Each structure stands twice: as C-alpha cells, then as structure tokens.
C-alpha cells in the first residue's frame, strides 16, 4: 500500500510539473545541474525514439501511396441552364 501511495505521489508531482512550461524547464535545469549524465542519456533516448518513430511514419506513408504537399478538392459544379456554371 505504501508503494501505491508513493507511486501516486510521484505521478501527481510529475503531472504538476508538466502543467507549466516554466516549472518543467526549472525541473529540467535542476536535473541537468545535479545529474548531468542521466539527463543527457534520457535526452539521447528521447531523440532516438522520436527519430525512429518519425522515420517509420514517413516510410509507411511513402510506401502506401506517396506524399502530396497540396491536395486540391474542387467541388463538382453543375452546368446552369443559362450556359454558365452554377455554384
């Protein structure tokens, strides 16, 4: 029971830190000053994870049908009886 309460307290503290960018930046700065090696290691792991995920998404997207920077969807216009195009 003590472990559950401790885990919930840690989770609540982490959520409280993440609610404010300033608090999160301050916590990151303190962590970087106090423990620089684990901070760099966690940063490297996070960068690697984001890079791998982005690469997989790009590969799958290109394999499935290619990328189109702009997709233009034009409405089907009806031909008017007056000879023009009705919107």
Protein backbone atom coordinates (compact mmCIF):
# COMPACT_ATOMS: atom_id res chain seq x y z
CA UNK A 1 0.00 0.00 0.00
CA UNK A 2 2.89 2.32 0.76
CA UNK A 3 4.31 1.70 -2.72
CA UNK A 4 0.99 2.61 -4.34
CA UNK A 5 0.73 5.84 -2.34
CA UNK A 6 4.34 6.70 -3.19
CA UNK A 7 3.78 5.96 -6.89
CA UNK A 8 0.65 8.12 -6.93
CA UNK A 9 2.52 10.94 -5.19
CA UNK A 10 5.31 10.78 -7.77
CA UNK A 11 2.75 10.74 -10.60
CA UNK A 12 0.93 13.73 -9.10
CA UNK A 13 4.22 15.63 -8.78
CA UNK A 14 5.15 14.83 -12.38
CA UNK A 15 1.73 15.98 -13.61
CA UNK A 16 2.04 19.18 -11.58
CA UNK A 17 5.45 19.85 -13.13
CA UNK A 18 4.17 19.22 -16.65
CA UNK A 19 1.26 21.65 -16.28
CA UNK A 20 3.57 24.64 -16.51
CA UNK A 21 6.39 25.01 -19.05
CA UNK A 22 8.29 27.18 -16.59
CA UNK A 23 8.11 24.54 -13.83
CA UNK A 24 9.11 21.85 -16.30
CA UNK A 25 12.07 23.92 -17.53
CA UNK A 26 13.12 24.64 -13.96
CA UNK A 27 12.94 20.94 -13.08
CA UNK A 28 14.96 20.09 -16.19
CA UNK A 29 17.58 22.69 -15.29
CA UNK A 30 17.88 21.36 -11.74
CA UNK A 31 18.15 17.79 -13.06
CA UNK A 32 20.81 18.87 -15.58
CA UNK A 33 22.88 20.59 -12.89
CA UNK A 34 22.52 17.85 -10.27
CA UNK A 35 22.72 14.79 -12.53
CA UNK A 36 24.06 15.72 -15.99
CA UNK A 37 24.86 12.20 -17.25
CA UNK A 38 21.38 10.71 -16.75
CA UNK A 39 19.85 13.86 -18.25
CA UNK A 40 21.96 13.54 -21.40
CA UNK A 41 21.19 9.83 -21.57
CA UNK A 42 17.44 10.41 -21.27
CA UNK A 43 17.64 13.16 -23.88
CA UNK A 44 19.52 10.87 -26.27
CA UNK A 45 16.97 8.08 -25.77
CA UNK A 46 14.07 10.50 -26.34
CA UNK A 47 15.68 11.91 -29.50
CA UNK A 48 16.34 8.40 -30.80
CA UNK A 49 12.76 7.31 -30.08
CA UNK A 50 11.28 10.35 -31.84
CA UNK A 51 13.61 9.91 -34.82
CA UNK A 52 12.79 6.22 -35.22
CA UNK A 53 9.06 6.89 -34.92
CA UNK A 54 9.17 9.72 -37.46
CA UNK A 55 11.23 7.61 -39.86
CA UNK A 56 8.77 4.70 -39.61
CA UNK A 57 5.82 7.02 -40.20
CA UNK A 58 7.50 8.60 -43.23
CA UNK A 59 8.44 5.21 -44.69
CA UNK A 60 4.93 3.81 -44.25
CA UNK A 61 3.33 6.92 -45.69
CA UNK A 62 5.58 6.88 -48.76
CA UNK A 63 5.10 3.15 -49.25
CA UNK A 64 1.31 3.36 -49.01
CA UNK A 65 0.79 5.96 -51.68
CA UNK A 66 3.24 8.78 -51.61
CA UNK A 67 3.12 12.25 -50.16
CA UNK A 68 1.20 15.10 -51.66
CA UNK A 69 2.06 18.51 -50.31
CA UNK A 70 -1.15 20.08 -51.59
CA UNK A 71 -4.40 18.30 -52.25
CA UNK A 72 -6.92 20.37 -54.15
CA UNK A 73 -10.53 19.29 -53.83
CA UNK A 74 -12.70 21.10 -56.34
CA UNK A 75 -16.45 20.92 -55.96
CA UNK A 76 -18.45 19.33 -58.72
CA UNK A 77 -20.07 22.28 -60.45
CA UNK A 78 -23.45 21.88 -62.06
CA UNK A 79 -23.95 23.28 -65.55
CA UNK A 80 -26.54 26.01 -65.45
CA UNK A 81 -29.33 26.31 -67.99
CA UNK A 82 -28.17 29.83 -68.74
CA UNK A 83 -24.96 28.45 -70.19
CA UNK A 84 -22.62 29.28 -67.30
CA UNK A 85 -21.56 27.31 -64.27
CA UNK A 86 -23.76 27.32 -61.18
CA UNK A 87 -22.04 27.09 -57.83
